[in-house]
Protein backbone atom coordinates (compact mmCIF):
# COMPACT_ATOMS: atom_id res chain seq x y z
CA MET A 1 -15.37 -76.99 31.43
CA PHE A 2 -14.59 -75.20 34.70
CA ALA A 3 -11.05 -74.57 33.48
CA GLN A 4 -12.48 -72.72 30.52
CA LEU A 5 -14.71 -70.66 32.77
CA THR A 6 -11.74 -69.50 34.82
CA GLN A 7 -10.18 -68.08 31.64
CA PHE A 8 -13.11 -65.75 31.00
CA GLU A 9 -12.02 -62.12 30.83
CA SER A 10 -14.64 -59.53 31.58
CA PRO A 11 -14.74 -56.51 29.26
CA PRO A 12 -13.22 -53.30 30.57
CA VAL A 13 -15.87 -51.08 32.14
CA ASP A 14 -15.60 -47.39 32.90
CA PHE A 15 -17.94 -47.34 35.86
CA PHE A 16 -17.98 -43.56 36.21
CA SER A 17 -19.38 -43.30 32.67
CA LEU A 18 -22.28 -45.50 33.73
CA THR A 19 -22.94 -43.54 36.92
CA PRO A 20 -26.17 -41.89 35.65
CA LEU A 21 -27.64 -45.35 35.09
CA PHE A 22 -26.49 -46.55 38.50
CA ILE A 23 -28.01 -43.49 40.19
CA LEU A 24 -31.42 -43.96 38.56
CA VAL A 25 -31.55 -47.70 39.25
CA GLY A 26 -30.26 -47.08 42.78
CA GLY A 27 -33.05 -44.57 43.37
CA ALA A 28 -35.65 -47.14 42.33
CA VAL A 29 -34.09 -49.77 44.60
CA VAL A 30 -34.00 -47.36 47.56
CA ILE A 31 -37.67 -46.49 47.09
CA MET A 32 -38.78 -50.12 46.97
CA LEU A 33 -36.54 -51.30 49.82
CA VAL A 34 -37.37 -48.50 52.24
CA THR A 35 -41.11 -48.64 51.63
CA SER A 36 -41.14 -52.45 51.81
CA LEU A 37 -39.03 -52.87 54.94
CA SER A 38 -40.30 -49.91 56.95
CA PRO A 39 -42.59 -50.96 59.84
CA ARG A 40 -44.66 -47.83 59.28
CA PRO A 41 -46.21 -46.43 56.11
CA ILE A 42 -43.82 -44.14 54.27
CA PRO A 43 -45.38 -40.84 53.13
CA GLY A 44 -45.70 -40.31 49.39
CA TRP A 45 -43.35 -37.35 49.35
CA PHE A 46 -40.44 -39.69 50.14
CA SER A 47 -40.72 -41.44 46.76
CA THR A 48 -41.03 -38.11 45.01
CA ALA A 49 -37.97 -36.72 46.78
CA VAL A 50 -35.84 -39.77 45.94
CA SER A 51 -36.94 -39.66 42.29
CA VAL A 52 -36.11 -35.98 41.98
CA ALA A 53 -32.78 -36.36 43.78
CA ALA A 54 -31.75 -39.38 41.68
CA SER A 55 -32.70 -37.68 38.41
CA ALA A 56 -30.94 -34.47 39.40
CA GLY A 57 -27.84 -36.45 40.33
CA ALA A 58 -27.89 -38.25 36.98
CA ALA A 59 -28.18 -34.93 35.15
CA VAL A 60 -25.28 -33.40 37.10
CA VAL A 61 -23.00 -36.38 36.41
CA ALA A 62 -24.00 -36.23 32.74
CA MET A 63 -22.88 -32.61 32.56
CA VAL A 64 -19.56 -33.54 34.18
CA LEU A 65 -19.14 -36.26 31.56
CA TRP A 66 -20.09 -33.74 28.88
CA ASN A 67 -17.14 -31.55 29.89
CA ASP A 68 -14.83 -34.59 29.76
CA VAL A 69 -16.11 -35.51 26.29
CA ARG A 70 -15.58 -31.97 25.00
CA GLU A 71 -11.97 -32.07 26.23
CA SER A 72 -10.99 -35.65 25.41
CA GLY A 73 -13.52 -36.69 22.75
CA PRO A 74 -16.20 -39.42 22.72
CA TYR A 75 -15.42 -42.97 23.76
CA SER A 76 -17.06 -46.35 24.37
CA THR A 77 -17.21 -48.76 27.27
CA VAL A 78 -18.45 -52.30 28.00
CA SER A 79 -16.83 -53.77 24.88
CA ASP A 80 -17.90 -50.76 22.80
CA ALA A 81 -21.57 -51.53 23.50
CA ILE A 82 -22.22 -48.21 25.28
CA GLY A 83 -21.20 -44.92 23.70
CA ILE A 84 -20.32 -41.92 25.85
CA ASP A 85 -20.61 -38.89 23.60
CA GLY A 86 -22.42 -35.60 23.30
CA PHE A 87 -25.45 -37.31 21.80
CA SER A 88 -25.98 -39.82 24.61
CA LEU A 89 -25.28 -37.21 27.28
CA PHE A 90 -27.72 -34.77 25.67
CA PHE A 91 -30.47 -37.35 26.05
CA THR A 92 -29.31 -38.29 29.54
CA VAL A 93 -29.86 -34.69 30.62
CA LEU A 94 -33.17 -34.46 28.75
CA VAL A 95 -34.53 -37.71 30.18
CA SER A 96 -33.43 -36.77 33.71
CA LEU A 97 -35.18 -33.40 33.50
CA GLY A 98 -38.27 -35.11 32.12
CA VAL A 99 -38.34 -37.52 35.06
CA ILE A 100 -37.98 -34.65 37.55
CA ALA A 101 -40.94 -32.84 35.99
CA THR A 102 -43.08 -35.99 35.80
CA ALA A 103 -42.28 -36.98 39.39
CA LEU A 104 -43.27 -33.56 40.70
CA VAL A 105 -46.52 -33.48 38.72
CA GLY A 106 -47.23 -37.08 39.67
CA ASP A 107 -46.86 -36.36 43.39
CA ALA A 108 -50.27 -34.73 43.64
CA TYR A 109 -51.74 -37.04 41.01
CA VAL A 110 -50.98 -40.30 42.85
CA ARG A 111 -52.48 -38.91 46.05
CA ARG A 112 -55.65 -37.82 44.31
CA GLU A 113 -56.05 -41.11 42.43
CA HIS A 114 -55.00 -43.27 45.42
CA ILE A 115 -52.15 -44.87 43.46
CA ALA A 116 -49.17 -46.40 45.24
CA ALA A 117 -46.48 -43.74 45.11
CA PRO A 118 -43.46 -46.06 45.52
CA GLU A 119 -44.41 -48.19 42.52
CA PHE A 120 -45.18 -45.12 40.40
CA HIS A 121 -41.84 -43.43 41.03
CA ALA A 122 -39.79 -46.63 40.90
CA LEU A 123 -41.27 -47.39 37.48
CA LEU A 124 -40.46 -43.87 36.32
CA LEU A 125 -36.81 -44.34 37.26
CA THR A 126 -36.47 -47.78 35.67
CA ALA A 127 -38.19 -46.61 32.49
CA ALA A 128 -35.85 -43.62 32.36
CA THR A 129 -32.88 -45.98 32.72
CA GLY A 130 -34.06 -47.87 29.65
CA ALA A 131 -34.45 -44.59 27.78
CA ILE A 132 -30.85 -43.60 28.51
CA VAL A 133 -29.59 -47.04 27.49
CA MET A 134 -31.36 -46.62 24.15
CA ALA A 135 -29.69 -43.25 23.58
CA SER A 136 -26.26 -44.63 24.53
CA ALA A 137 -26.39 -48.02 22.81
CA ASN A 138 -23.74 -48.85 20.22
CA ASP A 139 -25.19 -52.32 19.78
CA LEU A 140 -28.62 -53.37 18.53
CA VAL A 141 -29.07 -55.96 21.27
CA VAL A 142 -28.24 -53.43 23.98
CA MET A 143 -30.64 -50.96 22.34
CA PHE A 144 -33.39 -53.58 22.36
CA ILE A 145 -32.77 -54.28 26.06
CA GLY A 146 -33.09 -50.56 26.78
CA LEU A 147 -36.26 -50.37 24.70
CA GLU A 148 -37.87 -53.23 26.60
CA SER A 149 -36.87 -51.74 29.96
CA LEU A 150 -38.57 -48.52 28.91
CA SER A 151 -41.62 -50.26 27.45
CA ILE A 152 -42.30 -52.58 30.38
CA GLY A 153 -42.25 -49.64 32.77
CA LEU A 154 -44.67 -47.75 30.53
CA TYR A 155 -47.04 -50.71 30.24
CA ILE A 156 -47.39 -50.85 34.02
CA LEU A 157 -47.63 -47.08 34.42
CA ALA A 158 -50.48 -47.03 31.89
CA ALA A 159 -52.20 -49.87 33.79
CA MET A 160 -52.18 -47.96 37.08
CA GLN A 161 -55.55 -46.47 36.13
CA PHE A 162 -57.04 -49.98 36.27
CA ARG A 163 -60.01 -48.81 38.36
CA ARG A 164 -61.32 -47.01 35.29
CA PRO A 165 -62.46 -48.79 32.11
CA HIS A 166 -60.46 -46.42 29.89
CA GLY A 167 -57.34 -47.16 31.93
CA ARG A 168 -57.66 -50.92 31.51
CA GLU A 169 -58.33 -50.50 27.80
CA ALA A 170 -55.32 -48.22 27.39
CA ALA A 171 -53.00 -50.64 29.17
CA MET A 172 -54.14 -53.62 27.11
CA LYS A 173 -53.87 -51.78 23.79
CA TYR A 174 -50.47 -50.41 24.65
CA PHE A 175 -49.18 -53.81 25.74
CA VAL A 176 -50.46 -55.71 22.69
CA LEU A 177 -49.42 -53.15 20.08
CA GLY A 178 -46.14 -52.49 21.89
CA ALA A 179 -45.37 -56.20 21.71
CA PHE A 180 -46.08 -56.17 17.97
CA SER A 181 -43.75 -53.22 17.43
CA SER A 182 -41.02 -54.92 19.48
CA ALA A 183 -41.43 -58.02 17.31
CA PHE A 184 -40.96 -55.96 14.14
CA LEU A 185 -37.90 -54.33 15.62
CA LEU A 186 -36.41 -57.64 16.77
CA TYR A 187 -37.00 -59.26 13.39
CA GLY A 188 -35.34 -56.31 11.71
CA ILE A 189 -32.34 -56.69 14.04
CA ALA A 190 -32.16 -60.39 13.11
CA LEU A 191 -32.12 -59.61 9.38
CA VAL A 192 -29.47 -56.93 9.76
CA TYR A 193 -27.39 -59.36 11.78
CA GLY A 194 -27.90 -62.04 9.12
CA THR A 195 -26.63 -59.62 6.48
CA THR A 196 -23.68 -58.11 8.30
CA GLY A 197 -22.79 -60.78 10.86
CA SER A 198 -22.78 -58.29 13.72
CA THR A 199 -25.11 -56.29 15.95
CA SER A 200 -22.51 -53.58 16.65
CA LEU A 201 -23.58 -50.32 15.02
CA ILE A 202 -20.00 -49.44 14.10
CA VAL A 203 -19.29 -52.86 12.55
CA ILE A 204 -22.59 -52.73 10.66
CA ARG A 205 -21.60 -49.34 9.22
CA GLU A 206 -18.25 -50.72 8.06
CA ARG A 207 -19.76 -53.83 6.48
CA THR A 208 -22.78 -52.22 4.84
CA SER A 209 -20.41 -49.88 3.03
CA SER A 210 -18.99 -52.88 1.14
CA LEU A 211 -22.25 -54.63 0.23
CA GLY A 212 -23.07 -52.61 -2.87
CA ALA A 213 -22.35 -55.35 -5.40
CA MET A 214 -23.82 -58.20 -3.34
CA VAL A 215 -27.40 -58.29 -4.62
CA SER A 216 -28.94 -60.88 -2.31
CA PRO A 217 -27.47 -59.57 0.98
CA SER A 218 -28.46 -56.03 -0.01
CA GLU A 219 -32.08 -57.07 -0.50
CA LEU A 220 -32.07 -58.81 2.86
CA LEU A 221 -30.61 -55.70 4.45
CA ILE A 222 -33.30 -53.51 2.89
CA VAL A 223 -36.01 -55.69 4.42
CA GLY A 224 -34.24 -55.48 7.77
CA ILE A 225 -34.06 -51.69 7.51
CA ALA A 226 -37.76 -51.54 6.65
CA LEU A 227 -38.68 -53.61 9.70
CA LEU A 228 -36.49 -51.45 11.93
CA LEU A 229 -38.22 -48.33 10.63
CA VAL A 230 -41.63 -49.87 11.28
CA GLY A 231 -40.64 -50.77 14.84
CA PHE A 232 -39.33 -47.29 15.59
CA ALA A 233 -42.36 -45.69 13.89
CA PHE A 234 -44.59 -47.49 16.40
CA LYS A 235 -42.51 -46.23 19.30
CA VAL A 236 -42.49 -42.58 18.18
CA ALA A 237 -46.21 -42.73 17.25
CA ALA A 238 -45.64 -41.81 13.62
CA ALA A 239 -48.57 -42.38 11.24
CA PRO A 240 -49.76 -44.83 10.03
CA PHE A 241 -48.41 -46.67 13.09
CA HIS A 242 -49.94 -44.24 15.56
CA PHE A 243 -53.36 -45.77 16.18
CA TRP A 244 -52.51 -46.77 19.75
CA ALA A 245 -51.58 -43.25 20.86
CA PRO A 246 -55.00 -41.50 21.18
CA ASP A 247 -56.60 -44.26 23.25
CA VAL A 248 -53.51 -44.83 25.41
CA TYR A 249 -52.95 -41.13 26.08
CA GLU A 250 -56.63 -40.66 26.91
CA GLY A 251 -56.87 -43.69 29.21
CA SER A 252 -53.57 -43.23 31.05
CA GLY A 253 -53.06 -40.78 33.87
CA SER A 254 -52.14 -37.30 32.66
CA PRO A 255 -48.58 -37.36 34.11
CA VAL A 256 -48.02 -40.77 32.49
CA SER A 257 -49.34 -39.48 29.16
CA GLY A 258 -46.94 -36.55 29.38
CA PHE A 259 -44.07 -38.96 30.15
CA MET A 260 -44.98 -41.09 27.13
CA ALA A 261 -45.25 -38.10 24.82
CA SER A 262 -41.95 -36.61 25.97
CA VAL A 263 -39.38 -38.97 27.48
CA ALA A 264 -40.53 -42.14 25.71
CA LYS A 265 -40.75 -40.36 22.35
CA ALA A 266 -37.33 -38.77 22.85
CA ALA A 267 -35.80 -42.17 23.67
CA ALA A 268 -37.34 -43.77 20.59
CA PHE A 269 -36.01 -40.98 18.39
CA ALA A 270 -32.59 -41.33 20.02
CA GLY A 271 -32.55 -45.01 19.09
CA LEU A 272 -33.74 -44.25 15.57
CA LEU A 273 -31.05 -41.61 15.08
CA ARG A 274 -28.31 -43.93 16.36
CA VAL A 275 -29.38 -46.69 13.99
CA VAL A 276 -29.82 -44.66 10.82
CA VAL A 277 -26.82 -42.37 11.31
CA VAL A 278 -24.23 -44.60 12.99
CA ALA A 279 -25.11 -48.03 11.58
CA LEU A 280 -26.85 -47.21 8.28
CA GLY A 281 -25.15 -43.99 7.24
CA ALA A 282 -23.92 -45.66 4.06
CA ASN A 283 -27.49 -46.72 3.21
CA GLU A 284 -29.06 -43.28 3.31
CA GLY A 285 -30.94 -43.95 0.09
CA ASP A 286 -32.73 -46.89 1.70
CA TRP A 287 -34.17 -44.99 4.69
CA ALA A 288 -34.30 -41.28 3.84
CA VAL A 289 -37.23 -41.53 1.42
CA PRO A 290 -39.33 -43.84 3.67
CA LEU A 291 -38.76 -41.46 6.58
CA ALA A 292 -39.85 -38.54 4.40
CA VAL A 293 -43.06 -40.41 3.56
CA LEU A 294 -43.65 -41.25 7.24
CA SER A 295 -43.04 -37.60 8.08
CA ALA A 296 -45.58 -36.37 5.53
CA ILE A 297 -48.24 -38.87 6.59
CA SER A 298 -47.72 -38.08 10.27
CA ILE A 299 -48.00 -34.34 9.69
CA ILE A 300 -51.20 -34.74 7.67
CA VAL A 301 -52.86 -37.24 10.00
CA GLY A 302 -51.88 -35.27 13.09
CA ALA A 303 -53.28 -32.03 11.68
CA VAL A 304 -56.53 -33.42 10.26
CA MET A 305 -57.43 -35.71 13.16
CA ALA A 306 -56.53 -33.20 15.89
CA ILE A 307 -59.02 -30.59 14.69
CA THR A 308 -61.85 -33.17 14.71
CA GLN A 309 -61.45 -34.10 18.39
CA ASN A 310 -63.47 -32.76 21.30
CA ASP A 311 -61.38 -34.33 24.06
CA VAL A 312 -58.29 -32.30 24.99
CA LYS A 313 -56.14 -35.35 25.73
CA ARG A 314 -57.00 -36.86 22.36
CA MET A 315 -56.20 -33.52 20.74
CA LEU A 316 -52.78 -33.56 22.37
CA ALA A 317 -52.32 -37.20 21.32
CA PHE A 318 -52.92 -36.44 17.64
CA SER A 319 -50.84 -33.31 18.06
CA SER A 320 -48.04 -35.60 19.25
CA VAL A 321 -48.37 -37.59 16.03
CA GLY A 322 -47.95 -34.38 14.05
CA HIS A 323 -44.92 -33.34 16.09
CA ALA A 324 -43.33 -36.73 15.39
CA GLY A 325 -43.72 -35.89 11.72
CA TYR A 326 -41.98 -32.54 12.17
CA ILE A 327 -39.07 -34.19 13.97
CA LEU A 328 -38.80 -36.72 11.13
CA VAL A 329 -38.44 -33.78 8.73
CA GLY A 330 -35.10 -33.05 10.35
CA VAL A 331 -34.10 -36.72 10.57
CA GLN A 332 -34.78 -37.55 6.93
CA ALA A 333 -32.72 -34.58 5.77
CA ALA A 334 -29.74 -36.79 6.72
CA THR A 335 -27.45 -33.83 7.43
CA ALA A 336 -25.78 -32.51 10.57
CA GLU A 337 -28.11 -29.51 10.45
CA GLY A 338 -31.15 -31.78 10.18
CA MET A 339 -30.04 -33.94 13.09
CA SER A 340 -29.32 -30.97 15.34
CA SER A 341 -32.71 -29.45 14.47
CA ALA A 342 -34.38 -32.74 15.46
CA LEU A 343 -32.57 -32.65 18.82
CA PHE A 344 -33.64 -29.03 19.40
CA TYR A 345 -37.23 -29.98 18.56
CA LEU A 346 -37.17 -32.92 20.98
CA PHE A 347 -35.85 -30.76 23.82
CA ALA A 348 -38.36 -27.97 23.26
CA TYR A 349 -41.28 -30.35 22.75
CA THR A 350 -40.47 -32.29 25.91
CA PHE A 351 -41.21 -29.30 28.13
CA MET A 352 -44.14 -28.06 26.06
CA VAL A 353 -45.93 -31.38 26.32
CA ILE A 354 -45.04 -32.08 29.98
CA GLY A 355 -46.33 -28.61 30.85
CA SER A 356 -49.50 -29.21 28.84
CA PHE A 357 -50.28 -32.50 30.54
CA ALA A 358 -49.46 -30.94 33.92
CA VAL A 359 -52.25 -28.44 33.30
CA VAL A 360 -54.53 -31.24 32.10
CA SER A 361 -53.82 -33.17 35.32
CA VAL A 362 -55.01 -30.16 37.34
CA ILE A 363 -58.22 -29.91 35.32
CA GLY A 364 -58.63 -33.69 35.76
CA TRP A 365 -62.17 -35.00 35.82
CA ASP A 366 -63.43 -38.53 36.27
CA ASN A 367 -65.40 -38.57 33.02
CA GLY A 368 -62.87 -37.43 30.45
CA HIS A 369 -61.39 -34.16 29.32
CA PRO A 370 -63.92 -32.54 26.98
CA ILE A 371 -63.00 -29.05 25.85
CA GLU A 372 -66.05 -27.70 27.72
CA ARG A 373 -64.20 -28.33 30.98
CA TYR A 374 -61.72 -25.61 30.02
CA GLU A 375 -64.33 -22.92 29.41
CA GLY A 376 -63.83 -19.91 31.64
CA LEU A 377 -60.51 -21.19 33.01
CA ALA A 378 -58.99 -17.71 32.57
CA LYS A 379 -61.46 -16.29 35.10
CA ARG A 380 -61.01 -19.08 37.62
CA ARG A 381 -57.23 -19.63 37.35
CA PRO A 382 -55.79 -16.93 35.05
CA TRP A 383 -52.16 -17.93 35.57
CA LEU A 384 -52.96 -21.55 34.72
CA ALA A 385 -54.82 -20.49 31.58
CA GLY A 386 -51.91 -18.22 30.66
CA ALA A 387 -49.40 -21.05 31.05
CA PHE A 388 -51.52 -23.43 28.97
CA THR A 389 -51.86 -20.74 26.33
CA VAL A 390 -48.07 -20.46 26.11
CA PHE A 391 -47.73 -24.23 25.65
CA LEU A 392 -50.45 -24.36 23.00
CA LEU A 393 -49.11 -21.39 21.04
CA ALA A 394 -45.61 -22.89 21.22
CA GLN A 395 -46.88 -26.15 19.77
CA ALA A 396 -48.60 -24.16 17.04
CA GLY A 397 -45.27 -22.53 16.22
CA VAL A 398 -46.02 -18.94 17.21
CA PRO A 399 -42.92 -16.67 17.19
CA MET A 400 -41.12 -15.88 20.46
CA THR A 401 -41.59 -19.48 21.62
CA ALA A 402 -39.29 -22.50 21.45
CA GLY A 403 -41.86 -24.23 19.25
CA PHE A 404 -41.40 -21.62 16.53
CA VAL A 405 -37.61 -21.98 16.57
CA ALA A 406 -37.91 -25.78 16.48
CA LYS A 407 -40.23 -25.78 13.47
CA PHE A 408 -38.13 -23.16 11.72
CA LEU A 409 -34.98 -25.24 12.13
CA VAL A 410 -36.45 -28.51 10.82
CA ILE A 411 -38.10 -26.78 7.86
CA LYS A 412 -34.85 -24.95 7.15
CA SER A 413 -32.99 -28.28 7.06
CA ALA A 414 -35.48 -29.64 4.52
CA VAL A 415 -35.14 -26.54 2.34
CA ALA A 416 -31.35 -26.77 2.50
CA GLU A 417 -31.61 -30.28 1.02
CA GLU A 418 -34.12 -29.01 -1.58
CA ILE A 419 -36.95 -31.16 -0.21
CA TYR A 420 -39.36 -28.33 -0.93
CA TRP A 421 -42.56 -30.38 -1.00
CA LEU A 422 -42.07 -31.56 2.57
CA ALA A 423 -41.14 -28.09 3.79
CA ILE A 424 -44.27 -26.61 2.20
CA LEU A 425 -46.44 -29.39 3.65
CA ALA A 426 -45.02 -28.74 7.12
CA MET A 427 -45.79 -25.03 6.89
CA VAL A 428 -49.34 -25.58 5.62
CA ALA A 429 -50.03 -28.16 8.34
CA SER A 430 -48.87 -25.68 10.98
CA VAL A 431 -51.64 -23.32 9.88
CA ILE A 432 -54.21 -26.12 10.03
CA THR A 433 -53.22 -27.30 13.50
CA ALA A 434 -53.25 -23.71 14.76
CA PHE A 435 -57.05 -23.93 14.58
CA MET A 436 -57.07 -26.75 17.13
CA TYR A 437 -54.76 -24.96 19.54
CA LEU A 438 -56.65 -21.67 19.21
CA ARG A 439 -59.91 -23.51 19.81
CA ILE A 440 -58.71 -24.47 23.29
CA VAL A 441 -57.34 -20.97 23.89
CA MET A 442 -60.68 -19.42 22.95
CA ALA A 443 -62.50 -21.80 25.29
CA MET A 444 -60.31 -20.70 28.18
CA TRP A 445 -60.39 -16.95 27.56
CA ALA A 446 -63.57 -16.14 25.64
CA ARG A 447 -66.18 -18.40 27.23
CA ASP A 448 -67.68 -18.59 30.72
CA ALA A 449 -67.87 -21.87 32.59
CA ASP A 450 -71.31 -23.41 32.96
CA VAL A 451 -70.40 -25.16 36.21
CA ASP A 452 -68.46 -24.09 39.25
CA ASP A 453 -65.62 -26.60 39.48
CA ALA A 454 -63.15 -24.40 41.38
CA PRO A 455 -62.57 -27.07 44.08
CA ARG A 456 -61.20 -29.33 41.35
CA LEU A 457 -58.53 -26.80 40.46
CA ALA A 458 -56.40 -26.89 43.57
CA VAL A 459 -52.85 -26.69 42.22
CA ALA A 460 -50.13 -28.42 44.23
CA PRO A 461 -46.94 -26.36 44.70
CA ALA A 462 -44.84 -29.01 42.92
CA THR A 463 -47.15 -28.93 39.89
CA ALA A 464 -47.12 -25.14 39.86
CA PHE A 465 -43.32 -25.20 39.89
CA VAL A 466 -43.20 -27.57 36.90
CA VAL A 467 -45.68 -25.47 34.93
CA ALA A 468 -43.75 -22.27 35.67
CA ALA A 469 -40.40 -23.87 34.79
CA ALA A 470 -41.81 -25.27 31.53
CA VAL A 471 -43.19 -21.84 30.60
CA ALA A 472 -39.80 -20.25 31.33
CA ILE A 473 -37.93 -22.81 29.19
CA THR A 474 -40.44 -22.44 26.35
CA LEU A 475 -40.11 -18.66 26.30
CA VAL A 476 -36.38 -18.37 26.99
CA TYR A 477 -35.39 -20.76 24.21
CA GLY A 478 -37.89 -19.06 21.94
CA ILE A 479 -36.21 -15.69 22.47
CA ILE A 480 -32.60 -16.71 23.13
CA PRO A 481 -32.14 -20.18 21.55
CA ASP A 482 -28.40 -19.88 20.86
CA SER A 483 -27.15 -21.93 23.81
CA LEU A 484 -29.48 -24.85 23.10
CA ILE A 485 -28.70 -24.74 19.38
CA GLU A 486 -24.99 -24.89 20.19
CA PHE A 487 -25.61 -27.79 22.58
CA THR A 488 -27.42 -29.79 19.90
CA ARG A 489 -24.83 -29.01 17.24
CA ASP A 490 -22.04 -30.18 19.54
CA ALA A 491 -23.87 -33.47 20.05
CA VAL A 492 -24.30 -34.30 16.37
CA PRO A 493 -20.63 -34.67 15.18
CA ALA A 494 -19.97 -37.36 17.76
CA LEU A 495 -23.05 -39.24 16.53
CA VAL A 496 -21.94 -39.08 12.90
CA ALA A 497 -18.36 -40.03 13.72
CA GLY A 498 -19.30 -42.96 15.96
CA ASN A 499 -17.24 -44.05 18.92
């Protein structure tokens, strides 16, 4: 037995390719070790600084790898289980920037709410590591490990508001429903493995291409695909699997809600894109139509339910459901143009929603976020109201914002594939949801506040920086989107070709 163990050969590993993961995990370890072993209390800014530095380092290394990939082409490591390509590096940069923004916004939040800063930031970094693993995975098992790393971190982050009843309720709902979605996903992986005999995305693609005449295995594969789609639909909060999102977003801390709506959603879409494009590209007919249906339902539910809410966080939660539907418009088109439009949408939406929840965290009240709390904000904090207006108009798809370009690109991809009904539905829903966004804008600019809550609106410099940066990104990529469009288009061919 021991003689056999000595013959084990470890797979070749390109450690530099995995450096972004090592940096993020190392940052979490440093935070926990220093704060645990220090004889004196460590100030909260230390955890924030380490989180920002680790995320920035991961983003810089990802850009260095991006240059290598453009020169030498995509490749795989760890027995082809991890893909290093434009797609994975795109999401590495996006996730790293999302963590930087969330850490800066969360710095003031954890102090105000008396939450342990080391745990908060360490969980952010570990969750981000799982998100990057999902975007890089060339194997279903590795993708599931990344998903669980992300999910476990989010469960605990949502539970950090345990002193409040809504926080405890949000954590419990998210944990229970998240476990159900993971079970669906794992069962789908098992059925796909039973059909193809492999969990490697590349091997699955090769073997599913030759299953056309095999009736029984094909039916088993279709069930597996359906379960995978259900599992991912839970994670991206696509209707009708969205019912956890409003309560969880409302009960969680505002920075955590922004992290869920941006980084977690981006990671789930990255996993979905890798599965349907790399592994199931030959089975487009089995997943394109279900995704189109999920897209339509999400757009309708997001639009109708958002305009009936009176709580701003719940409005943004249902808005997130609608945005998931718009991203699915690009995914279900099953073309390079559709995929690149989905990536552009994810990038633009990440900063719109993080900026929105950053503003919400400043307005934070102990008894919810009714729209009345935003009345007269333009008179009390005009720059904050102006920034929130930019984010809301961008989500509505107003021209000169990144949101408009994102919606235009996904609708264009649907029209190019002659899916006119979905394109028309998306445009009509944009008009409907505009009412919800304009309702908040009118409350800020056209109404006077009934109470003087100016002391509640002290804006930390770090939060102000995030809001300003998010506004700049939203406007710049709305006016000059060419560089980001090129970035997303460069990422798609590597995804389609595999590694």
